[in-house]
């Protein structure tokens, strides 16, 4: 059952950690609300969370009970604790507000079934809920959400010319409908259940959203970076897109972390060290000290060829990763890959084998193969 569920939702899972809103006509007091939403969105990405919270209070005073309000209220803790843990207290509040978003969007759609904004918010909120079910092992509930989400995505594909933000979701669907089963052939038999996509078109649509949309622009740059790293094997292009976000939101440590990761993989160590120092100054969340230890371990291993120094950093990162649980998975391939290399050098075959197995489980971007080429 787990395999079937994963296959059914493969083409839409990846955009669910991001969010977007339409820039067309807003509810009452159009111009004032639009500007306030723009400011709120920007402050969330800049990690000015206190200011974003104040602006959300103003938005709520203007809109009252509205799907835009509940959605932004739900996304605030999601971004504040990125990457959010699926067993954390924050995720429960996040999902509760996504359910409220769906409920409020449905109320709007009862009076106007063709409202593109309400459709977009409902699609995004239900998709996030579906991903939550899939990530927490609630397979049947994920399947229960899948059919309606897929229908909403197909509707969005047809309406992107009247509502620009749909270029984001259309681009993701078009690319992953073809790209995911190509990378994971075991899912090819299930792909026939979904309408065909087009990878080249998907990239074009994401480029369009990045350059022409407002609220899905950042998410489009983020996703383009992900696709070029994980599917196109063009790390330099991935760095280019993530660089746009680092310049746009210089205090967003999550984007900074991803940018630094790409710098190291491209062997741009001097620039990477500048950002590692910046990351080391953020001590409010244990995720970032773990990241800093991991990156310092990678530089010691790759540039300095000092696996023994690297091991000290990797051990610190590993200890924090255990404490952070599911929030730490983005660093697992690097940490376990480095410890595999350490035990291999020492001739400790059984320990090396165990760490290699762990690293392979989380290596979705070809890191282990890349690591061997730089030794």
Protein backbone atom coordinates (compact mmCIF):
# COMPACT_ATOMS: atom_id res chain seq x y z
CA UNK A 1 0.00 0.00 0.00
CA UNK A 2 2.80 2.44 0.87
CA UNK A 3 4.37 1.97 -2.58
CA UNK A 4 1.03 2.59 -4.32
CA UNK A 5 0.37 5.74 -2.31
CA UNK A 6 3.80 7.11 -3.12
CA UNK A 7 3.31 6.38 -6.80
CA UNK A 8 -0.12 8.01 -6.88
CA UNK A 9 1.09 11.30 -5.49
CA UNK A 10 4.65 11.48 -6.87
CA UNK A 11 3.88 14.20 -9.37
CA UNK A 12 2.57 16.71 -6.84
CA UNK A 13 4.40 16.07 -3.58
CA UNK A 14 7.37 18.31 -4.23
CA UNK A 15 5.71 21.69 -4.45
CA UNK A 16 3.80 21.22 -1.24
CA UNK A 17 6.46 22.59 1.06
CA UNK A 18 6.18 25.93 -0.72
CA UNK A 19 3.26 28.27 -1.03
CA UNK A 20 1.89 30.99 -3.25
CA UNK A 21 -1.00 33.35 -3.69
CA UNK A 22 -2.60 34.99 -6.67
CA UNK A 23 -1.85 38.55 -7.57
CA UNK A 24 -5.13 39.22 -9.33
CA UNK A 25 -8.11 40.92 -7.72
CA UNK A 26 -8.18 40.52 -3.97
CA UNK A 27 -11.27 40.73 -1.76
CA UNK A 28 -12.70 44.05 -0.53
CA UNK A 29 -10.40 47.09 -0.26
CA UNK A 30 -8.32 45.62 -3.05
CA UNK A 31 -5.30 47.93 -3.23
CA UNK A 32 -4.72 48.33 0.51
CA UNK A 33 -4.98 44.59 1.17
CA UNK A 34 -2.79 43.71 -1.77
CA UNK A 35 0.02 45.96 -0.55
CA UNK A 36 -0.30 44.65 2.99
CA UNK A 37 -0.17 41.05 1.78
CA UNK A 38 2.87 41.89 -0.32
CA UNK A 39 4.63 43.34 2.74
CA UNK A 40 3.64 40.38 4.91
CA UNK A 41 4.90 37.89 2.35
CA UNK A 42 8.19 39.77 1.99
CA UNK A 43 8.77 39.94 5.74
CA UNK A 44 8.13 36.22 6.12
CA UNK A 45 10.82 35.49 3.52
CA UNK A 46 13.15 38.05 5.10
CA UNK A 47 12.64 36.27 8.43
CA UNK A 48 11.21 39.45 9.96
CA UNK A 49 8.64 37.28 11.70
CA UNK A 50 7.60 39.76 14.37
CA UNK A 51 6.79 42.36 11.75
CA UNK A 52 4.97 39.75 9.66
CA UNK A 53 2.84 38.82 12.69
CA UNK A 54 1.88 42.46 13.21
CA UNK A 55 0.91 42.78 9.55
CA UNK A 56 -1.16 39.61 9.77
CA UNK A 57 -3.18 41.20 12.55
CA UNK A 58 -3.92 44.11 10.19
CA UNK A 59 -4.83 41.72 7.37
CA UNK A 60 -7.25 39.90 9.67
CA UNK A 61 -8.85 43.19 10.73
CA UNK A 62 -9.56 43.93 7.06
CA UNK A 63 -10.61 40.46 5.86
CA UNK A 64 -11.97 38.78 8.97
CA UNK A 65 -12.47 35.02 8.58
CA UNK A 66 -10.88 34.44 5.20
CA UNK A 67 -8.83 31.67 3.59
CA UNK A 68 -5.96 34.12 2.93
CA UNK A 69 -5.71 34.88 6.64
CA UNK A 70 -5.80 31.26 7.82
CA UNK A 71 -3.32 30.24 5.14
CA UNK A 72 -0.77 32.91 6.08
CA UNK A 73 -1.28 32.18 9.78
CA UNK A 74 -0.49 28.53 9.03
CA UNK A 75 2.55 29.29 6.89
CA UNK A 76 4.18 31.59 9.44
CA UNK A 77 5.27 28.80 11.86
CA UNK A 78 6.10 26.59 8.88
CA UNK A 79 8.66 29.11 7.64
CA UNK A 80 9.77 30.15 11.11
CA UNK A 81 10.76 26.55 11.95
CA UNK A 82 11.95 25.50 8.50
CA UNK A 83 12.59 22.69 7.95
CA UNK A 84 9.59 21.78 10.07
CA UNK A 85 9.50 18.42 11.82
CA UNK A 86 6.57 16.14 11.08
CA UNK A 87 6.44 15.03 14.71
CA UNK A 88 6.71 18.55 16.12
CA UNK A 89 4.14 20.61 18.02
CA UNK A 90 4.31 23.27 15.27
CA UNK A 91 3.10 20.89 12.56
CA UNK A 92 -0.21 20.29 14.37
CA UNK A 93 -1.09 23.98 14.38
CA UNK A 94 0.08 24.30 10.78
CA UNK A 95 -2.18 21.48 9.56
CA UNK A 96 -5.13 22.73 11.60
CA UNK A 97 -4.91 26.09 9.83
CA UNK A 98 -4.58 24.38 6.43
CA UNK A 99 -7.86 22.55 7.14
CA UNK A 100 -9.43 25.87 8.07
CA UNK A 101 -8.16 27.32 4.78
CA UNK A 102 -9.90 24.55 2.85
CA UNK A 103 -13.13 25.12 4.77
CA UNK A 104 -13.13 28.87 4.11
CA UNK A 105 -12.18 28.45 0.45
CA UNK A 106 -15.07 25.99 0.03
CA UNK A 107 -17.47 28.59 1.42
CA UNK A 108 -16.29 31.02 -1.23
CA UNK A 109 -16.55 28.40 -3.98
CA UNK A 110 -20.16 27.67 -3.03
CA UNK A 111 -21.05 31.22 -4.02
CA UNK A 112 -18.64 31.34 -6.97
CA UNK A 113 -17.38 27.94 -8.10
CA UNK A 114 -15.03 29.51 -10.66
CA UNK A 115 -13.16 31.83 -8.28
CA UNK A 116 -9.50 31.14 -9.24
CA UNK A 117 -8.06 32.54 -6.03
CA UNK A 118 -10.20 30.30 -3.82
CA UNK A 119 -9.34 27.33 -6.04
CA UNK A 120 -5.64 28.07 -5.71
CA UNK A 121 -5.71 28.33 -1.93
CA UNK A 122 -7.81 25.19 -1.61
CA UNK A 123 -5.47 23.25 -3.89
CA UNK A 124 -2.36 24.35 -2.02
CA UNK A 125 -3.81 23.77 1.46
CA UNK A 126 -5.19 20.31 0.59
CA UNK A 127 -1.87 19.39 -1.01
CA UNK A 128 -0.01 20.31 2.17
CA UNK A 129 -2.44 18.18 4.17
CA UNK A 130 -1.92 15.29 1.75
CA UNK A 131 1.82 15.53 2.12
CA UNK A 132 1.45 15.54 5.90
CA UNK A 133 -0.53 12.29 5.74
CA UNK A 134 2.05 10.72 3.42
CA UNK A 135 4.99 11.80 5.59
CA UNK A 136 3.40 10.51 8.79
CA UNK A 137 2.44 7.09 7.42
CA UNK A 138 -1.30 7.77 7.10
CA UNK A 139 -1.51 6.21 3.64
CA UNK A 140 -5.26 5.81 3.32
CA UNK A 141 -5.89 9.44 4.29
CA UNK A 142 -3.30 10.54 1.71
CA UNK A 143 -5.11 8.54 -0.96
CA UNK A 144 -8.39 10.11 0.14
CA UNK A 145 -7.00 13.59 -0.56
CA UNK A 146 -5.20 12.64 -3.77
CA UNK A 147 -8.10 12.52 -6.22
CA UNK A 148 -9.44 15.99 -5.43
CA UNK A 149 -5.95 17.54 -5.34
CA UNK A 150 -5.13 16.09 -8.75
CA UNK A 151 -8.39 17.46 -10.12
CA UNK A 152 -7.60 20.91 -8.73
CA UNK A 153 -4.14 20.84 -10.31
CA UNK A 154 -5.62 19.94 -13.70
CA UNK A 155 -8.06 22.83 -13.35
CA UNK A 156 -5.17 25.15 -12.51
CA UNK A 157 -3.27 23.99 -15.60
CA UNK A 158 -6.15 25.20 -17.75
CA UNK A 159 -6.57 28.55 -15.99
CA UNK A 160 -3.03 29.86 -15.70
CA UNK A 161 -3.57 32.54 -18.35
CA UNK A 162 -6.29 34.17 -16.24
CA UNK A 163 -4.46 33.61 -12.97
CA UNK A 164 -0.67 33.80 -13.33
CA UNK A 165 0.28 32.01 -10.12
CA UNK A 166 -0.93 28.74 -11.65
CA UNK A 167 2.20 28.79 -13.84
CA UNK A 168 4.06 27.68 -10.71
CA UNK A 169 2.03 24.54 -10.08
CA UNK A 170 1.68 23.81 -13.81
CA UNK A 171 5.44 23.97 -14.20
CA UNK A 172 6.05 21.59 -11.32
CA UNK A 173 3.47 19.12 -12.59
CA UNK A 174 4.74 19.21 -16.18
CA UNK A 175 8.32 18.57 -15.11
CA UNK A 176 7.79 15.91 -12.45
CA UNK A 177 5.13 14.00 -14.37
CA UNK A 178 7.97 12.99 -16.71
CA UNK A 179 11.07 13.54 -14.60
CA UNK A 180 10.13 11.57 -11.50
CA UNK A 181 9.44 8.20 -13.19
CA UNK A 182 12.55 8.69 -15.33
CA UNK A 183 14.65 8.98 -12.20
CA UNK A 184 12.67 6.27 -10.35
CA UNK A 185 11.72 3.69 -13.01
CA UNK A 186 9.80 1.58 -10.49
CA UNK A 187 7.00 4.17 -10.73
CA UNK A 188 6.71 4.18 -14.52
CA UNK A 189 3.73 1.78 -14.57
CA UNK A 190 1.79 4.18 -12.34
CA UNK A 191 2.58 7.23 -14.50
CA UNK A 192 -0.11 6.25 -17.02
CA UNK A 193 -2.69 7.21 -14.37
CA UNK A 194 -1.72 10.86 -14.85
CA UNK A 195 -2.01 13.23 -17.79
CA UNK A 196 1.29 13.52 -19.69
CA UNK A 197 3.70 16.32 -18.87
CA UNK A 198 6.61 18.05 -20.60
CA UNK A 199 9.90 18.70 -18.80
CA UNK A 200 11.07 21.51 -21.06
CA UNK A 201 7.69 23.23 -20.80
CA UNK A 202 7.72 22.77 -17.04
CA UNK A 203 11.05 24.58 -16.74
CA UNK A 204 9.75 27.38 -18.99
CA UNK A 205 6.64 27.78 -16.86
CA UNK A 206 8.67 27.93 -13.66
CA UNK A 207 10.96 30.53 -15.26
CA UNK A 208 7.88 32.56 -16.16
CA UNK A 209 6.52 32.33 -12.63
CA UNK A 210 9.90 33.28 -11.15
CA UNK A 211 10.16 36.42 -13.27
CA UNK A 212 6.53 37.51 -13.64
CA UNK A 213 4.56 36.42 -10.57
CA UNK A 214 4.64 38.05 -7.18
CA UNK A 215 3.88 35.56 -4.44
CA UNK A 216 5.16 32.44 -6.22
CA UNK A 217 8.31 34.05 -7.59
CA UNK A 218 10.55 32.96 -4.69
CA UNK A 219 9.06 29.48 -4.62
CA UNK A 220 9.73 29.14 -8.36
CA UNK A 221 13.40 30.09 -7.95
CA UNK A 222 13.65 27.63 -5.07
CA UNK A 223 12.12 24.82 -7.06
CA UNK A 224 14.21 25.54 -10.17
CA UNK A 225 17.31 25.23 -8.01
CA UNK A 226 16.06 21.90 -6.68
CA UNK A 227 15.31 20.52 -10.16
CA UNK A 228 18.66 21.53 -11.63
CA UNK A 229 20.50 19.92 -8.72
CA UNK A 230 18.47 16.74 -8.30
CA UNK A 231 17.24 16.03 -11.84
CA UNK A 232 19.29 17.98 -14.38
CA UNK A 233 22.68 17.46 -12.67
CA UNK A 234 23.57 21.10 -13.26
CA UNK A 235 24.80 22.32 -9.90
CA UNK A 236 25.98 25.63 -11.37
CA UNK A 237 22.43 26.41 -12.53
CA UNK A 238 21.04 25.38 -9.16
CA UNK A 239 23.47 27.84 -7.54
CA UNK A 240 22.39 30.62 -9.90
CA UNK A 241 18.72 30.32 -8.96
CA UNK A 242 19.39 30.01 -5.24
CA UNK A 243 21.69 33.03 -5.49
CA UNK A 244 18.74 35.16 -6.56
CA UNK A 245 16.97 34.32 -3.29
CA UNK A 246 20.06 34.95 -1.15
CA UNK A 247 20.41 38.40 -2.70
CA UNK A 248 16.69 39.11 -2.37
CA UNK A 249 16.37 37.87 1.22
CA UNK A 250 19.83 38.23 2.84
CA UNK A 251 18.64 37.28 6.35
CA UNK A 252 16.84 34.09 5.35
CA UNK A 253 19.12 31.47 6.88
CA UNK A 254 17.38 28.53 5.25
CA UNK A 255 18.09 29.90 1.76
CA UNK A 256 21.61 30.77 2.90
CA UNK A 257 22.12 27.18 4.02
CA UNK A 258 21.07 25.80 0.63
CA UNK A 259 23.26 28.30 -1.21
CA UNK A 260 26.30 27.38 0.93
CA UNK A 261 25.68 23.68 0.27
CA UNK A 262 25.86 24.33 -3.48
CA UNK A 263 29.02 26.46 -3.14
CA UNK A 264 30.79 23.58 -1.39
CA UNK A 265 29.68 21.08 -4.02
CA UNK A 266 31.08 23.40 -6.69
CA UNK A 267 34.35 23.68 -4.70
CA UNK A 268 33.91 27.43 -4.14
CA UNK A 269 35.25 27.06 -0.64
CA UNK A 270 36.35 30.64 0.02
CA UNK A 271 32.89 32.05 -0.62
CA UNK A 272 31.30 29.13 1.23
CA UNK A 273 33.31 29.94 4.34
CA UNK A 274 31.89 33.48 4.38
CA UNK A 275 28.36 32.08 4.55
CA UNK A 276 29.32 29.36 7.02
CA UNK A 277 30.48 32.13 9.37
CA UNK A 278 27.12 33.90 8.95
CA UNK A 279 25.24 30.67 9.62
CA UNK A 280 27.34 30.04 12.73
CA UNK A 281 26.06 33.30 14.24
CA UNK A 282 22.46 32.04 14.22
CA UNK A 283 22.05 30.10 17.46
CA UNK A 284 18.28 30.29 17.99
CA UNK A 285 17.72 26.93 16.29
CA UNK A 286 19.93 23.84 16.73
CA UNK A 287 19.37 22.98 13.07
CA UNK A 288 21.92 25.61 12.01
CA UNK A 289 24.79 24.54 14.30
CA UNK A 290 24.26 21.05 12.87
CA UNK A 291 24.49 22.50 9.35
CA UNK A 292 27.65 24.45 10.22
CA UNK A 293 29.38 21.34 11.63
CA UNK A 294 28.38 19.41 8.51
CA UNK A 295 29.71 22.03 6.12
CA UNK A 296 32.97 22.41 8.03
CA UNK A 297 33.35 18.65 7.89
CA UNK A 298 32.81 18.68 4.12
CA UNK A 299 35.45 21.39 3.63
CA UNK A 300 37.93 19.53 5.84
CA UNK A 301 37.24 16.35 3.84
CA UNK A 302 37.08 17.81 0.33
CA UNK A 303 39.48 20.76 0.31
CA UNK A 304 41.88 19.96 3.13
CA UNK A 305 41.91 16.19 2.55
CA UNK A 306 41.85 15.77 6.34
CA UNK A 307 39.31 13.07 7.08
CA UNK A 308 40.34 12.98 10.75
CA UNK A 309 39.48 16.65 11.27
CA UNK A 310 36.33 16.14 9.22
CA UNK A 311 35.27 13.27 11.48
CA UNK A 312 35.25 15.58 14.51
CA UNK A 313 32.81 17.92 12.78
CA UNK A 314 30.67 15.07 11.47
CA UNK A 315 30.35 13.56 14.97
CA UNK A 316 29.06 16.88 16.34
CA UNK A 317 26.63 17.11 13.47
CA UNK A 318 25.52 13.52 13.96
CA UNK A 319 24.75 14.10 17.64
CA UNK A 320 22.61 17.13 16.84
CA UNK A 321 20.92 15.27 13.98
CA UNK A 322 19.70 12.60 16.39
CA UNK A 323 18.17 15.29 18.58
CA UNK A 324 16.59 17.09 15.60
CA UNK A 325 15.10 13.85 14.22
CA UNK A 326 13.26 14.33 10.90
CA UNK A 327 14.34 17.99 10.64
CA UNK A 328 17.92 16.88 9.97
CA UNK A 329 17.40 14.60 6.96
CA UNK A 330 18.76 17.11 4.41
CA UNK A 331 22.22 16.71 5.99
CA UNK A 332 22.20 12.93 6.43
CA UNK A 333 23.90 12.05 3.14
CA UNK A 334 26.75 14.43 3.93
CA UNK A 335 27.17 13.37 7.55
CA UNK A 336 26.88 9.63 6.98
CA UNK A 337 28.88 9.80 3.74
CA UNK A 338 31.73 11.50 5.57
CA UNK A 339 31.69 9.01 8.44
CA UNK A 340 31.62 6.15 5.93
CA UNK A 341 34.81 7.56 4.39
CA UNK A 342 36.41 7.94 7.82
CA UNK A 343 35.79 4.33 8.86
CA UNK A 344 36.84 3.12 5.42
CA UNK A 345 40.21 4.87 5.81
CA UNK A 346 40.64 3.20 9.20
CA UNK A 347 39.84 -0.18 7.70
CA UNK A 348 36.76 -0.61 9.89
CA UNK A 349 34.71 -2.37 7.25
CA UNK A 350 31.57 -3.13 9.24
CA UNK A 351 31.19 0.44 10.51
CA UNK A 352 31.95 1.79 7.03
CA UNK A 353 29.30 -0.49 5.54
CA UNK A 354 26.67 0.66 8.04
CA UNK A 355 27.33 4.35 7.40
CA UNK A 356 27.37 3.83 3.65
CA UNK A 357 23.97 2.15 3.85
CA UNK A 358 22.61 5.07 5.87
CA UNK A 359 24.07 7.60 3.43
CA UNK A 360 22.58 5.84 0.41
CA UNK A 361 19.13 6.00 1.97
CA UNK A 362 19.24 9.81 1.93
CA UNK A 363 21.39 10.46 -1.13
CA UNK A 364 18.86 11.80 -3.63
CA UNK A 365 21.25 14.15 -5.42
CA UNK A 366 24.18 11.95 -6.42
CA UNK A 367 26.40 13.14 -3.59
CA UNK A 368 28.13 9.82 -2.85
CA UNK A 369 29.22 9.39 -6.46
CA UNK A 370 30.40 13.00 -6.49
CA UNK A 371 32.26 12.51 -3.19
CA UNK A 372 34.32 9.66 -4.59
CA UNK A 373 35.54 11.84 -7.48
CA UNK A 374 37.05 14.49 -5.19
CA UNK A 375 39.00 12.19 -2.93
